[in-house]
């Protein structure tokens, strides 16, 4: 079992920055791939960025590439998402996830709200 707790969400004006954090507890976080997802009202949950177990490989969805940075600190059991140049369309609830064999079978946090005003 892995427990995940997100923090760092809030309200920001367009063009601003936020850093999300996800604290993991339970089994060794370093054994899991990790990711950030988001879900806006009335929309499907979408993958924002993912990172491999060691942090050596990352993936970003196209509309956040160059603006968001995913990172992890396995020694501290932490996952991060640095978000810059935020846009109103980034407004959503952001979730962290950890998994070994597919996100649907993984562990999820409760989410943190990010609101970007124009």
PDB file of N, CA and C in Angstrom:
ATOM      1  N   UNK A   1       0.825  -1.195   0.000  1.00  0.00           N
ATOM      2  CA  UNK A   1       0.000   0.000   0.000  1.00  0.00           C
ATOM      3  C   UNK A   1       0.860   1.246   0.000  1.00  0.00           C
ATOM      4  N   UNK A   2       0.447   2.219  -0.759  1.00  0.00           N
ATOM      5  CA  UNK A   2       1.104   3.524  -0.795  1.00  0.00           C
ATOM      6  C   UNK A   2       0.027   4.576  -0.561  1.00  0.00           C
ATOM      7  N   UNK A   3       0.264   5.449   0.373  1.00  0.00           N
ATOM      8  CA  UNK A   3      -0.646   6.567   0.614  1.00  0.00           C
ATOM      9  C   UNK A   3      -0.032   7.833   0.033  1.00  0.00           C
ATOM     10  N   UNK A   4      -0.841   8.594  -0.673  1.00  0.00           N
ATOM     11  CA  UNK A   4      -0.362   9.797  -1.345  1.00  0.00           C
ATOM     12  C   UNK A   4      -1.192  10.996  -0.897  1.00  0.00           C
ATOM     13  N   UNK A   5      -0.514  12.084  -0.553  1.00  0.00           N
ATOM     14  CA  UNK A   5      -1.193  13.293  -0.113  1.00  0.00           C
ATOM     15  C   UNK A   5      -0.612  14.489  -0.867  1.00  0.00           C
ATOM     16  N   UNK A   6      -1.459  15.146  -1.657  1.00  0.00           N
ATOM     17  CA  UNK A   6      -1.034  16.317  -2.431  1.00  0.00           C
ATOM     18  C   UNK A   6      -1.166  17.598  -1.599  1.00  0.00           C
ATOM     19  N   UNK A   7      -0.362  18.572  -1.959  1.00  0.00           N
ATOM     20  CA  UNK A   7      -0.458  19.903  -1.369  1.00  0.00           C
ATOM     21  C   UNK A   7       0.100  20.916  -2.352  1.00  0.00           C
ATOM     22  N   UNK A   8      -0.141  22.181  -2.078  1.00  0.00           N
ATOM     23  CA  UNK A   8       0.441  23.241  -2.888  1.00  0.00           C
ATOM     24  C   UNK A   8      -0.498  23.891  -3.882  1.00  0.00           C
ATOM     25  N   UNK A   9      -1.717  23.379  -3.979  1.00  0.00           N
ATOM     26  CA  UNK A   9      -2.665  23.996  -4.895  1.00  0.00           C
ATOM     27  C   UNK A   9      -3.120  25.346  -4.367  1.00  0.00           C
ATOM     28  N   UNK A  10      -3.841  26.064  -5.218  1.00  0.00           N
ATOM     29  CA  UNK A  10      -4.336  27.369  -4.814  1.00  0.00           C
ATOM     30  C   UNK A  10      -4.794  28.179  -5.994  1.00  0.00           C
ATOM     31  N   UNK A  11      -4.914  29.469  -5.749  1.00  0.00           N
ATOM     32  CA  UNK A  11      -5.360  30.403  -6.772  1.00  0.00           C
ATOM     33  C   UNK A  11      -4.177  31.219  -7.250  1.00  0.00           C
ATOM     34  N   UNK A  12      -4.093  31.424  -8.562  1.00  0.00           N
ATOM     35  CA  UNK A  12      -2.991  32.212  -9.114  1.00  0.00           C
ATOM     36  C   UNK A  12      -3.474  32.914 -10.372  1.00  0.00           C
ATOM     37  N   UNK A  13      -2.907  34.046 -10.661  1.00  0.00           N
ATOM     38  CA  UNK A  13      -3.252  34.748 -11.896  1.00  0.00           C
ATOM     39  C   UNK A  13      -2.518  34.133 -13.076  1.00  0.00           C
ATOM     40  N   UNK A  14      -3.083  34.289 -14.225  1.00  0.00           N
ATOM     41  CA  UNK A  14      -2.452  33.774 -15.446  1.00  0.00           C
ATOM     42  C   UNK A  14      -1.030  34.316 -15.557  1.00  0.00           C
ATOM     43  N   UNK A  15      -0.126  33.435 -15.941  1.00  0.00           N
ATOM     44  CA  UNK A  15       1.275  33.799 -16.025  1.00  0.00           C
ATOM     45  C   UNK A  15       2.057  33.490 -14.772  1.00  0.00           C
ATOM     46  N   UNK A  16       1.358  33.169 -13.708  1.00  0.00           N
ATOM     47  CA  UNK A  16       1.998  32.869 -12.441  1.00  0.00           C
ATOM     48  C   UNK A  16       2.505  31.443 -12.352  1.00  0.00           C
ATOM     49  N   UNK A  17       3.015  31.115 -11.167  1.00  0.00           N
ATOM     50  CA  UNK A  17       3.608  29.798 -10.927  1.00  0.00           C
ATOM     51  C   UNK A  17       3.070  29.188  -9.644  1.00  0.00           C
ATOM     52  N   UNK A  18       3.067  27.875  -9.625  1.00  0.00           N
ATOM     53  CA  UNK A  18       2.737  27.104  -8.432  1.00  0.00           C
ATOM     54  C   UNK A  18       3.586  25.858  -8.431  1.00  0.00           C
ATOM     55  N   UNK A  19       3.880  25.347  -7.227  1.00  0.00           N
ATOM     56  CA  UNK A  19       4.579  24.074  -7.117  1.00  0.00           C
ATOM     57  C   UNK A  19       3.725  23.130  -6.283  1.00  0.00           C
ATOM     58  N   UNK A  20       3.343  22.031  -6.903  1.00  0.00           N
ATOM     59  CA  UNK A  20       2.592  21.002  -6.218  1.00  0.00           C
ATOM     60  C   UNK A  20       3.544  19.979  -5.626  1.00  0.00           C
ATOM     61  N   UNK A  21       3.177  19.466  -4.475  1.00  0.00           N
ATOM     62  CA  UNK A  21       3.950  18.417  -3.823  1.00  0.00           C
ATOM     63  C   UNK A  21       3.041  17.240  -3.531  1.00  0.00           C
ATOM     64  N   UNK A  22       3.626  16.069  -3.508  1.00  0.00           N
ATOM     65  CA  UNK A  22       2.892  14.845  -3.184  1.00  0.00           C
ATOM     66  C   UNK A  22       3.769  14.034  -2.242  1.00  0.00           C
ATOM     67  N   UNK A  23       3.281  13.847  -1.022  1.00  0.00           N
ATOM     68  CA  UNK A  23       4.011  13.076  -0.026  1.00  0.00           C
ATOM     69  C   UNK A  23       3.521  11.634  -0.048  1.00  0.00           C
ATOM     70  N   UNK A  24       4.460  10.712  -0.176  1.00  0.00           N
ATOM     71  CA  UNK A  24       4.128   9.298  -0.228  1.00  0.00           C
ATOM     72  C   UNK A  24       4.537   8.621   1.073  1.00  0.00           C
ATOM     73  N   UNK A  25       3.725   7.690   1.523  1.00  0.00           N
ATOM     74  CA  UNK A  25       4.065   6.897   2.693  1.00  0.00           C
ATOM     75  C   UNK A  25       3.650   5.465   2.441  1.00  0.00           C
ATOM     76  N   UNK A  26       4.202   4.571   3.206  1.00  0.00           N
ATOM     77  CA  UNK A  26       3.898   3.170   3.017  1.00  0.00           C
ATOM     78  C   UNK A  26       5.075   2.460   2.370  1.00  0.00           C
ATOM     79  N   UNK A  27       4.798   1.668   1.392  1.00  0.00           N
ATOM     80  CA  UNK A  27       5.841   0.899   0.740  1.00  0.00           C
ATOM     81  C   UNK A  27       6.789   1.814  -0.046  1.00  0.00           C
ATOM     82  N   UNK A  28       7.974   1.351  -0.347  1.00  0.00           N
ATOM     83  CA  UNK A  28       9.022   2.157  -0.942  1.00  0.00           C
ATOM     84  C   UNK A  28       8.559   2.871  -2.203  1.00  0.00           C
ATOM     85  N   UNK A  29       8.520   4.192  -2.116  1.00  0.00           N
ATOM     86  CA  UNK A  29       8.043   4.999  -3.226  1.00  0.00           C
ATOM     87  C   UNK A  29       8.910   4.840  -4.459  1.00  0.00           C
ATOM     88  N   UNK A  30      10.180   4.580  -4.244  1.00  0.00           N
ATOM     89  CA  UNK A  30      11.106   4.450  -5.356  1.00  0.00           C
ATOM     90  C   UNK A  30      10.864   3.243  -6.239  1.00  0.00           C
ATOM     91  N   UNK A  31       9.998   2.351  -5.829  1.00  0.00           N
ATOM     92  CA  UNK A  31       9.665   1.177  -6.639  1.00  0.00           C
ATOM     93  C   UNK A  31       8.563   1.455  -7.651  1.00  0.00           C
ATOM     94  N   UNK A  32       8.015   2.669  -7.617  1.00  0.00           N
ATOM     95  CA  UNK A  32       6.843   2.992  -8.430  1.00  0.00           C
ATOM     96  C   UNK A  32       7.133   4.102  -9.426  1.00  0.00           C
ATOM     97  N   UNK A  33       6.588   3.951 -10.629  1.00  0.00           N
ATOM     98  CA  UNK A  33       6.490   5.101 -11.498  1.00  0.00           C
ATOM     99  C   UNK A  33       5.483   6.055 -10.883  1.00  0.00           C
ATOM    100  N   UNK A  34       5.599   7.337 -11.210  1.00  0.00           N
ATOM    101  CA  UNK A  34       4.704   8.316 -10.607  1.00  0.00           C
ATOM    102  C   UNK A  34       4.245   9.321 -11.659  1.00  0.00           C
ATOM    103  N   UNK A  35       3.140   9.964 -11.363  1.00  0.00           N
ATOM    104  CA  UNK A  35       2.571  10.871 -12.356  1.00  0.00           C
ATOM    105  C   UNK A  35       1.666  11.898 -11.698  1.00  0.00           C
ATOM    106  N   UNK A  36       1.420  12.952 -12.441  1.00  0.00           N
ATOM    107  CA  UNK A  36       0.406  13.933 -12.098  1.00  0.00           C
ATOM    108  C   UNK A  36      -0.684  13.869 -13.157  1.00  0.00           C
ATOM    109  N   UNK A  37      -1.915  13.806 -12.702  1.00  0.00           N
ATOM    110  CA  UNK A  37      -3.097  13.879 -13.552  1.00  0.00           C
ATOM    111  C   UNK A  37      -3.884  15.124 -13.156  1.00  0.00           C
ATOM    112  N   UNK A  38      -4.795  15.521 -14.013  1.00  0.00           N
ATOM    113  CA  UNK A  38      -5.700  16.610 -13.657  1.00  0.00           C
ATOM    114  C   UNK A  38      -7.079  16.341 -14.245  1.00  0.00           C
ATOM    115  N   UNK A  39      -8.069  16.930 -13.583  1.00  0.00           N
ATOM    116  CA  UNK A  39      -9.437  16.805 -14.072  1.00  0.00           C
ATOM    117  C   UNK A  39     -10.153  18.120 -13.864  1.00  0.00           C
ATOM    118  N   UNK A  40     -10.610  18.679 -14.957  1.00  0.00           N
ATOM    119  CA  UNK A  40     -11.404  19.907 -14.915  1.00  0.00           C
ATOM    120  C   UNK A  40     -12.883  19.539 -14.880  1.00  0.00           C
ATOM    121  N   UNK A  41     -13.727  20.411 -14.366  1.00  0.00           N
ATOM    122  CA  UNK A  41     -15.159  20.111 -14.298  1.00  0.00           C
ATOM    123  C   UNK A  41     -15.715  19.744 -15.663  1.00  0.00           C
ATOM    124  N   UNK A  42     -16.426  18.625 -15.716  1.00  0.00           N
ATOM    125  CA  UNK A  42     -17.053  18.193 -16.956  1.00  0.00           C
ATOM    126  C   UNK A  42     -16.125  17.560 -17.955  1.00  0.00           C
ATOM    127  N   UNK A  43     -14.883  17.359 -17.567  1.00  0.00           N
ATOM    128  CA  UNK A  43     -13.913  16.767 -18.487  1.00  0.00           C
ATOM    129  C   UNK A  43     -13.337  15.488 -17.911  1.00  0.00           C
ATOM    130  N   UNK A  44     -12.725  14.699 -18.798  1.00  0.00           N
ATOM    131  CA  UNK A  44     -12.077  13.467 -18.384  1.00  0.00           C
ATOM    132  C   UNK A  44     -10.771  13.775 -17.643  1.00  0.00           C
ATOM    133  N   UNK A  45     -10.393  12.866 -16.759  1.00  0.00           N
ATOM    134  CA  UNK A  45      -9.094  12.990 -16.113  1.00  0.00           C
ATOM    135  C   UNK A  45      -8.012  12.759 -17.164  1.00  0.00           C
ATOM    136  N   UNK A  46      -6.968  13.588 -17.162  1.00  0.00           N
ATOM    137  CA  UNK A  46      -5.922  13.472 -18.164  1.00  0.00           C
ATOM    138  C   UNK A  46      -4.545  13.442 -17.518  1.00  0.00           C
ATOM    139  N   UNK A  47      -3.655  12.715 -18.160  1.00  0.00           N
ATOM    140  CA  UNK A  47      -2.277  12.638 -17.693  1.00  0.00           C
ATOM    141  C   UNK A  47      -1.569  13.946 -18.029  1.00  0.00           C
ATOM    142  N   UNK A  48      -0.944  14.534 -17.033  1.00  0.00           N
ATOM    143  CA  UNK A  48      -0.200  15.773 -17.228  1.00  0.00           C
ATOM    144  C   UNK A  48       1.281  15.482 -17.456  1.00  0.00           C
ATOM    145  N   UNK A  49       1.856  14.678 -16.581  1.00  0.00           N
ATOM    146  CA  UNK A  49       3.272  14.359 -16.669  1.00  0.00           C
ATOM    147  C   UNK A  49       3.531  13.089 -15.878  1.00  0.00           C
ATOM    148  N   UNK A  50       4.540  12.343 -16.292  1.00  0.00           N
ATOM    149  CA  UNK A  50       4.917  11.144 -15.568  1.00  0.00           C
ATOM    150  C   UNK A  50       6.435  11.075 -15.450  1.00  0.00           C
ATOM    151  N   UNK A  51       6.882  10.268 -14.500  1.00  0.00           N
ATOM    152  CA  UNK A  51       8.309  10.137 -14.241  1.00  0.00           C
ATOM    153  C   UNK A  51       8.592   8.703 -13.843  1.00  0.00           C
ATOM    154  N   UNK A  52       9.721   8.196 -14.307  1.00  0.00           N
ATOM    155  CA  UNK A  52      10.083   6.814 -14.025  1.00  0.00           C
ATOM    156  C   UNK A  52      10.518   6.651 -12.570  1.00  0.00           C
ATOM    157  N   UNK A  53      10.714   5.390 -12.174  1.00  0.00           N
ATOM    158  CA  UNK A  53      11.032   5.081 -10.782  1.00  0.00           C
ATOM    159  C   UNK A  53      12.259   5.830 -10.279  1.00  0.00           C
ATOM    160  N   UNK A  54      13.279   5.932 -11.124  1.00  0.00           N
ATOM    161  CA  UNK A  54      14.513   6.603 -10.705  1.00  0.00           C
ATOM    162  C   UNK A  54      14.552   8.075 -11.084  1.00  0.00           C
ATOM    163  N   UNK A  55      13.564   8.509 -11.830  1.00  0.00           N
ATOM    164  CA  UNK A  55      13.541   9.894 -12.288  1.00  0.00           C
ATOM    165  C   UNK A  55      14.282  10.124 -13.580  1.00  0.00           C
ATOM    166  N   UNK A  56      14.783   9.057 -14.179  1.00  0.00           N
ATOM    167  CA  UNK A  56      15.586   9.211 -15.385  1.00  0.00           C
ATOM    168  C   UNK A  56      14.799   9.476 -16.647  1.00  0.00           C
ATOM    169  N   UNK A  57      13.526   9.200 -16.618  1.00  0.00           N
ATOM    170  CA  UNK A  57      12.691   9.401 -17.802  1.00  0.00           C
ATOM    171  C   UNK A  57      11.427  10.146 -17.409  1.00  0.00           C
ATOM    172  N   UNK A  58      11.056  11.109 -18.227  1.00  0.00           N
ATOM    173  CA  UNK A  58       9.843  11.880 -17.969  1.00  0.00           C
ATOM    174  C   UNK A  58       9.014  11.985 -19.238  1.00  0.00           C
ATOM    175  N   UNK A  59       7.739  12.262 -19.042  1.00  0.00           N
ATOM    176  CA  UNK A  59       6.808  12.470 -20.142  1.00  0.00           C
ATOM    177  C   UNK A  59       5.923  13.652 -19.794  1.00  0.00           C
ATOM    178  N   UNK A  60       5.611  14.488 -20.798  1.00  0.00           N
ATOM    179  CA  UNK A  60       4.695  15.616 -20.596  1.00  0.00           C
ATOM    180  C   UNK A  60       3.664  15.631 -21.709  1.00  0.00           C
ATOM    181  N   UNK A  61       2.443  15.992 -21.363  1.00  0.00           N
ATOM    182  CA  UNK A  61       1.454  16.217 -22.415  1.00  0.00           C
ATOM    183  C   UNK A  61       1.851  17.481 -23.151  1.00  0.00           C
ATOM    184  N   UNK A  62       1.422  17.588 -24.393  1.00  0.00           N
ATOM    185  CA  UNK A  62       1.918  18.643 -25.257  1.00  0.00           C
ATOM    186  C   UNK A  62       1.665  20.053 -24.752  1.00  0.00           C
ATOM    187  N   UNK A  63       0.515  20.285 -24.171  1.00  0.00           N
ATOM    188  CA  UNK A  63       0.176  21.667 -23.817  1.00  0.00           C
ATOM    189  C   UNK A  63       0.824  22.149 -22.527  1.00  0.00           C
ATOM    190  N   UNK A  64       1.575  21.272 -21.843  1.00  0.00           N
ATOM    191  CA  UNK A  64       2.303  21.722 -20.655  1.00  0.00           C
ATOM    192  C   UNK A  64       3.810  21.637 -20.863  1.00  0.00           C
ATOM    193  N   UNK A  65       4.225  21.051 -21.952  1.00  0.00           N
ATOM    194  CA  UNK A  65       5.646  20.880 -22.203  1.00  0.00           C
ATOM    195  C   UNK A  65       6.322  22.247 -22.279  1.00  0.00           C
ATOM    196  N   UNK A  66       7.413  22.377 -21.550  1.00  0.00           N
ATOM    197  CA  UNK A  66       8.118  23.651 -21.509  1.00  0.00           C
ATOM    198  C   UNK A  66       7.636  24.583 -20.406  1.00  0.00           C
ATOM    199  N   UNK A  67       6.486  24.267 -19.815  1.00  0.00           N
ATOM    200  CA  UNK A  67       5.944  25.092 -18.720  1.00  0.00           C
ATOM    201  C   UNK A  67       5.957  24.350 -17.386  1.00  0.00           C
ATOM    202  N   UNK A  68       5.745  23.048 -17.431  1.00  0.00           N
ATOM    203  CA  UNK A  68       5.684  22.241 -16.216  1.00  0.00           C
ATOM    204  C   UNK A  68       6.925  21.356 -16.119  1.00  0.00           C
ATOM    205  N   UNK A  69       7.349  21.078 -14.888  1.00  0.00           N
ATOM    206  CA  UNK A  69       8.467  20.178 -14.648  1.00  0.00           C
ATOM    207  C   UNK A  69       8.107  19.204 -13.543  1.00  0.00           C
ATOM    208  N   UNK A  70       8.169  17.914 -13.846  1.00  0.00           N
ATOM    209  CA  UNK A  70       7.924  16.885 -12.853  1.00  0.00           C
ATOM    210  C   UNK A  70       9.264  16.417 -12.300  1.00  0.00           C
ATOM    211  N   UNK A  71       9.299  16.168 -10.999  1.00  0.00           N
ATOM    212  CA  UNK A  71      10.525  15.677 -10.367  1.00  0.00           C
ATOM    213  C   UNK A  71      10.142  14.856  -9.150  1.00  0.00           C
ATOM    214  N   UNK A  72      11.110  14.127  -8.647  1.00  0.00           N
ATOM    215  CA  UNK A  72      10.868  13.300  -7.474  1.00  0.00           C
ATOM    216  C   UNK A  72      12.122  13.238  -6.626  1.00  0.00           C
ATOM    217  N   UNK A  73      11.929  13.011  -5.342  1.00  0.00           N
ATOM    218  CA  UNK A  73      13.022  12.803  -4.389  1.00  0.00           C
ATOM    219  C   UNK A  73      12.679  11.532  -3.627  1.00  0.00           C
ATOM    220  N   UNK A  74      13.234  10.419  -4.072  1.00  0.00           N
ATOM    221  CA  UNK A  74      12.892   9.131  -3.456  1.00  0.00           C
ATOM    222  C   UNK A  74      13.386   9.033  -2.019  1.00  0.00           C
ATOM    223  N   UNK A  75      14.441   9.729  -1.683  1.00  0.00           N
ATOM    224  CA  UNK A  75      14.944   9.710  -0.308  1.00  0.00           C
ATOM    225  C   UNK A  75      13.938  10.345   0.655  1.00  0.00           C
ATOM    226  N   UNK A  76      13.169  11.286   0.143  1.00  0.00           N
ATOM    227  CA  UNK A  76      12.158  11.963   0.948  1.00  0.00           C
ATOM    228  C   UNK A  76      10.746  11.479   0.646  1.00  0.00           C
ATOM    229  N   UNK A  77      10.632  10.516  -0.280  1.00  0.00           N
ATOM    230  CA  UNK A  77       9.309   9.999  -0.677  1.00  0.00           C
ATOM    231  C   UNK A  77       8.399  11.123  -1.155  1.00  0.00           C
ATOM    232  N   UNK A  78       8.940  11.952  -2.038  1.00  0.00           N
ATOM    233  CA  UNK A  78       8.206  13.113  -2.518  1.00  0.00           C
ATOM    234  C   UNK A  78       8.166  13.148  -4.039  1.00  0.00           C
ATOM    235  N   UNK A  79       7.042  13.639  -4.551  1.00  0.00           N
ATOM    236  CA  UNK A  79       6.844  13.902  -5.969  1.00  0.00           C
ATOM    237  C   UNK A  79       6.454  15.367  -6.093  1.00  0.00           C
ATOM    238  N   UNK A  80       6.945  16.020  -7.151  1.00  0.00           N
ATOM    239  CA  UNK A  80       6.691  17.444  -7.332  1.00  0.00           C
ATOM    240  C   UNK A  80       6.212  17.743  -8.752  1.00  0.00           C
ATOM    241  N   UNK A  81       5.497  18.854  -8.862  1.00  0.00           N
ATOM    242  CA  UNK A  81       5.153  19.390 -10.178  1.00  0.00           C
ATOM    243  C   UNK A  81       5.312  20.899 -10.095  1.00  0.00           C
ATOM    244  N   UNK A  82       6.368  21.405 -10.732  1.00  0.00           N
ATOM    245  CA  UNK A  82       6.582  22.839 -10.826  1.00  0.00           C
ATOM    246  C   UNK A  82       5.842  23.349 -12.049  1.00  0.00           C
ATOM    247  N   UNK A  83       4.929  24.279 -11.838  1.00  0.00           N
ATOM    248  CA  UNK A  83       4.108  24.802 -12.926  1.00  0.00           C
ATOM    249  C   UNK A  83       4.399  26.281 -13.114  1.00  0.00           C
ATOM    250  N   UNK A  84       4.711  26.674 -14.317  1.00  0.00           N
ATOM    251  CA  UNK A  84       5.012  28.061 -14.629  1.00  0.00           C
ATOM    252  C   UNK A  84       4.167  28.504 -15.823  1.00  0.00           C
ATOM    253  N   UNK A  85       4.103  29.807 -16.028  1.00  0.00           N
ATOM    254  CA  UNK A  85       3.327  30.386 -17.136  1.00  0.00           C
ATOM    255  C   UNK A  85       1.929  29.795 -17.174  1.00  0.00           C
ATOM    256  N   UNK A  86       1.304  29.751 -16.033  1.00  0.00           N
ATOM    257  CA  UNK A  86      -0.009  29.102 -15.923  1.00  0.00           C
ATOM    258  C   UNK A  86      -1.062  29.844 -16.732  1.00  0.00           C
ATOM    259  N   UNK A  87      -1.983  29.054 -17.271  1.00  0.00           N
ATOM    260  CA  UNK A  87      -3.069  29.558 -18.105  1.00  0.00           C
ATOM    261  C   UNK A  87      -4.405  29.178 -17.472  1.00  0.00           C
ATOM    262  N   UNK A  88      -5.454  29.935 -17.771  1.00  0.00           N
ATOM    263  CA  UNK A  88      -6.765  29.570 -17.221  1.00  0.00           C
ATOM    264  C   UNK A  88      -7.173  28.133 -17.542  1.00  0.00           C
ATOM    265  N   UNK A  89      -6.748  27.628 -18.694  1.00  0.00           N
ATOM    266  CA  UNK A  89      -7.107  26.255 -19.052  1.00  0.00           C
ATOM    267  C   UNK A  89      -6.358  25.209 -18.231  1.00  0.00           C
ATOM    268  N   UNK A  90      -5.406  25.625 -17.403  1.00  0.00           N
ATOM    269  CA  UNK A  90      -4.753  24.704 -16.475  1.00  0.00           C
ATOM    270  C   UNK A  90      -5.581  24.499 -15.211  1.00  0.00           C
ATOM    271  N   UNK A  91      -6.647  25.254 -15.064  1.00  0.00           N
ATOM    272  CA  UNK A  91      -7.509  25.119 -13.895  1.00  0.00           C
ATOM    273  C   UNK A  91      -8.098  23.716 -13.826  1.00  0.00           C
ATOM    274  N   UNK A  92      -7.886  23.045 -12.702  1.00  0.00           N
ATOM    275  CA  UNK A  92      -8.346  21.669 -12.528  1.00  0.00           C
ATOM    276  C   UNK A  92      -7.986  21.200 -11.125  1.00  0.00           C
ATOM    277  N   UNK A  93      -8.497  20.033 -10.790  1.00  0.00           N
ATOM    278  CA  UNK A  93      -8.013  19.325  -9.611  1.00  0.00           C
ATOM    279  C   UNK A  93      -6.859  18.437 -10.066  1.00  0.00           C
ATOM    280  N   UNK A  94      -5.739  18.563  -9.388  1.00  0.00           N
ATOM    281  CA  UNK A  94      -4.537  17.819  -9.748  1.00  0.00           C
ATOM    282  C   UNK A  94      -4.341  16.661  -8.770  1.00  0.00           C
ATOM    283  N   UNK A  95      -4.069  15.495  -9.333  1.00  0.00           N
ATOM    284  CA  UNK A  95      -3.893  14.275  -8.554  1.00  0.00           C
ATOM    285  C   UNK A  95      -2.507  13.691  -8.806  1.00  0.00           C
ATOM    286  N   UNK A  96      -1.889  13.182  -7.763  1.00  0.00           N
ATOM    287  CA  UNK A  96      -0.672  12.400  -7.982  1.00  0.00           C
ATOM    288  C   UNK A  96      -1.038  10.921  -7.929  1.00  0.00           C
ATOM    289  N   UNK A  97      -0.256  10.139  -8.629  1.00  0.00           N
ATOM    290  CA  UNK A  97      -0.484   8.706  -8.731  1.00  0.00           C
ATOM    291  C   UNK A  97       0.843   7.981  -8.724  1.00  0.00           C
ATOM    292  N   UNK A  98       0.803   6.767  -8.223  1.00  0.00           N
ATOM    293  CA  UNK A  98       1.988   5.904  -8.219  1.00  0.00           C
ATOM    294  C   UNK A  98       1.552   4.516  -8.634  1.00  0.00           C
ATOM    295  N   UNK A  99       2.326   3.882  -9.504  1.00  0.00           N
ATOM    296  CA  UNK A  99       1.906   2.584 -10.015  1.00  0.00           C
ATOM    297  C   UNK A  99       3.100   1.810 -10.539  1.00  0.00           C
ATOM    298  N   UNK A 100       2.900   0.492 -10.627  1.00  0.00           N
ATOM    299  CA  UNK A 100       3.899  -0.368 -11.250  1.00  0.00           C
ATOM    300  C   UNK A 100       3.388  -0.989 -12.537  1.00  0.00           C
ATOM    301  N   UNK A 101       2.067  -1.211 -12.612  1.00  0.00           N
ATOM    302  CA  UNK A 101       1.519  -1.903 -13.780  1.00  0.00           C
ATOM    303  C   UNK A 101       0.278  -1.202 -14.316  1.00  0.00           C
ATOM    304  N   UNK A 102       0.378   0.081 -14.549  1.00  0.00           N
ATOM    305  CA  UNK A 102      -0.751   0.810 -15.105  1.00  0.00           C
ATOM    306  C   UNK A 102      -1.408   1.694 -14.062  1.00  0.00           C
ATOM    307  N   UNK A 103      -1.737   2.936 -14.456  1.00  0.00           N
ATOM    308  CA  UNK A 103      -2.260   3.899 -13.494  1.00  0.00           C
ATOM    309  C   UNK A 103      -3.606   3.465 -12.910  1.00  0.00           C
ATOM    310  N   UNK A 104      -4.408   2.785 -13.687  1.00  0.00           N
ATOM    311  CA  UNK A 104      -5.719   2.377 -13.186  1.00  0.00           C
ATOM    312  C   UNK A 104      -5.597   1.418 -12.017  1.00  0.00           C
ATOM    313  N   UNK A 105      -4.475   0.714 -11.954  1.00  0.00           N
ATOM    314  CA  UNK A 105      -4.250  -0.250 -10.879  1.00  0.00           C
ATOM    315  C   UNK A 105      -3.366   0.309  -9.769  1.00  0.00           C
ATOM    316  N   UNK A 106      -3.058   1.602  -9.851  1.00  0.00           N
ATOM    317  CA  UNK A 106      -2.130   2.193  -8.907  1.00  0.00           C
ATOM    318  C   UNK A 106      -2.793   2.861  -7.729  1.00  0.00           C
ATOM    319  N   UNK A 107      -2.019   3.717  -7.082  1.00  0.00           N
ATOM    320  CA  UNK A 107      -2.466   4.446  -5.909  1.00  0.00           C
ATOM    321  C   UNK A 107      -2.634   5.915  -6.277  1.00  0.00           C
ATOM    322  N   UNK A 108      -3.647   6.539  -5.666  1.00  0.00           N
ATOM    323  CA  UNK A 108      -3.993   7.911  -6.008  1.00  0.00           C
ATOM    324  C   UNK A 108      -4.146   8.751  -4.747  1.00  0.00           C
ATOM    325  N   UNK A 109      -3.798  10.020  -4.873  1.00  0.00           N
ATOM    326  CA  UNK A 109      -4.068  10.957  -3.808  1.00  0.00           C
ATOM    327  C   UNK A 109      -5.476  11.499  -3.919  1.00  0.00           C
ATOM    328  N   UNK A 110      -5.819  12.400  -3.008  1.00  0.00           N
ATOM    329  CA  UNK A 110      -7.182  12.932  -2.944  1.00  0.00           C
ATOM    330  C   UNK A 110      -7.363  14.161  -3.824  1.00  0.00           C
ATOM    331  N   UNK A 111      -6.263  14.717  -4.313  1.00  0.00           N
ATOM    332  CA  UNK A 111      -6.344  15.845  -5.228  1.00  0.00           C
ATOM    333  C   UNK A 111      -6.137  17.182  -4.542  1.00  0.00           C
ATOM    334  N   UNK A 112      -5.639  18.132  -5.319  1.00  0.00           N
ATOM    335  CA  UNK A 112      -5.489  19.505  -4.848  1.00  0.00           C
ATOM    336  C   UNK A 112      -5.943  20.436  -5.962  1.00  0.00           C
ATOM    337  N   UNK A 113      -6.704  21.455  -5.618  1.00  0.00           N
ATOM    338  CA  UNK A 113      -7.312  22.331  -6.600  1.00  0.00           C
ATOM    339  C   UNK A 113      -6.339  23.422  -7.031  1.00  0.00           C
ATOM    340  N   UNK A 114      -6.255  23.613  -8.330  1.00  0.00           N
ATOM    341  CA  UNK A 114      -5.485  24.717  -8.912  1.00  0.00           C
ATOM    342  C   UNK A 114      -6.455  25.571  -9.730  1.00  0.00           C
ATOM    343  N   UNK A 115      -6.508  26.842  -9.420  1.00  0.00           N
ATOM    344  CA  UNK A 115      -7.370  27.766 -10.141  1.00  0.00           C
ATOM    345  C   UNK A 115      -6.530  28.900 -10.697  1.00  0.00           C
ATOM    346  N   UNK A 116      -6.610  29.091 -12.011  1.00  0.00           N
ATOM    347  CA  UNK A 116      -5.841  30.131 -12.686  1.00  0.00           C
ATOM    348  C   UNK A 116      -6.832  31.140 -13.258  1.00  0.00           C
ATOM    349  N   UNK A 117      -6.718  32.376 -12.817  1.00  0.00           N
ATOM    350  CA  UNK A 117      -7.648  33.402 -13.289  1.00  0.00           C
ATOM    351  C   UNK A 117      -6.999  34.219 -14.399  1.00  0.00           C
ATOM    352  N   UNK A 118      -7.852  34.675 -15.302  1.00  0.00           N
ATOM    353  CA  UNK A 118      -7.342  35.460 -16.446  1.00  0.00           C
ATOM    354  C   UNK A 118      -7.252  36.935 -16.105  1.00  0.00           C
TER     355      UNK A 118
END
